[in-house]
Amino acid sequence: PHALERLIAANRSWYDKVQALGGTAYPTGAIAFTQHDWQTHHGTSLTGTRRRYDPHGILGRGLTL
């Protein structure tokens, strides 16, 4: 369990560095995306679209915009 936690923390650290340089990642990996991460990844345009077509938030429950 400790090794896994260290690896996930390392993944997060690398993602933060890459993202700060303008890079991105596919959010299906071992990095737990926060609401801010999702917003940064998708931008503001997806928020309105999602509210319009998925007002009850039933699609992609892990995606919090």
Protein backbone atom coordinates (compact mmCIF):
# COMPACT_ATOMS: atom_id res chain seq x y z
CA PRO A 1 0.00 0.00 0.00
CA HIS A 2 2.80 2.47 0.81
CA ALA A 3 4.58 1.82 -2.48
CA LEU A 4 1.32 2.36 -4.34
CA GLU A 5 0.70 5.64 -2.52
CA ARG A 6 4.24 6.80 -3.38
CA LEU A 7 3.75 5.92 -7.05
CA ILE A 8 0.41 7.72 -7.25
CA ALA A 9 1.95 10.77 -5.54
CA ALA A 10 4.83 10.67 -8.04
CA ASN A 11 2.33 10.49 -10.93
CA ARG A 12 0.53 13.52 -9.53
CA SER A 13 3.79 15.41 -9.14
CA TRP A 14 4.81 14.72 -12.74
CA TYR A 15 1.34 15.68 -13.99
CA ASP A 16 1.48 19.00 -12.09
CA LYS A 17 4.87 19.77 -13.64
CA VAL A 18 3.71 18.90 -17.15
CA GLN A 19 0.48 20.84 -16.75
CA ALA A 20 2.40 23.91 -15.54
CA LEU A 21 4.37 23.78 -18.79
CA GLY A 22 1.16 23.69 -20.86
CA GLY A 23 0.89 19.94 -21.29
CA THR A 24 -2.09 17.73 -20.62
CA ALA A 25 -2.86 14.13 -19.78
CA TYR A 26 -5.67 11.71 -20.40
CA PRO A 27 -7.57 11.54 -17.11
CA THR A 28 -7.98 7.77 -17.23
CA GLY A 29 -4.64 7.15 -15.52
CA ALA A 30 -3.66 6.87 -11.89
CA ILE A 31 -3.97 10.59 -11.19
CA ALA A 32 -7.02 11.56 -9.18
CA PHE A 33 -8.38 14.63 -10.94
CA THR A 34 -9.86 17.37 -8.77
CA GLN A 35 -12.66 19.66 -9.89
CA HIS A 36 -10.03 22.27 -10.80
CA ASP A 37 -8.12 19.67 -12.86
CA TRP A 38 -11.26 18.81 -14.84
CA GLN A 39 -12.02 22.47 -15.47
CA THR A 40 -8.46 23.11 -16.63
CA HIS A 41 -8.47 19.99 -18.80
CA HIS A 42 -11.78 20.72 -20.56
CA GLY A 43 -12.00 24.50 -20.33
CA THR A 44 -15.14 26.46 -19.65
CA SER A 45 -17.01 25.46 -22.80
CA LEU A 46 -17.75 21.95 -21.55
CA THR A 47 -19.39 23.21 -18.37
CA GLY A 48 -22.30 24.85 -20.20
CA THR A 49 -22.64 21.96 -22.62
CA ARG A 50 -22.75 19.45 -19.81
CA ARG A 51 -25.34 21.45 -17.88
CA ARG A 52 -27.47 21.64 -21.00
CA TYR A 53 -27.32 17.98 -22.06
CA ASP A 54 -26.73 16.31 -18.68
CA PRO A 55 -28.50 18.55 -16.16
CA HIS A 56 -28.73 15.78 -13.57
CA GLY A 57 -25.05 14.84 -13.85
CA ILE A 58 -25.65 11.15 -14.56
CA LEU A 59 -23.00 10.75 -17.28
CA GLY A 60 -19.37 10.43 -16.25
CA ARG A 61 -19.94 10.71 -12.53
CA GLY A 62 -16.19 11.11 -11.89
CA LEU A 63 -16.18 14.24 -14.01
CA THR A 64 -16.96 17.19 -11.76
CA LEU A 65 -17.15 20.52 -13.52
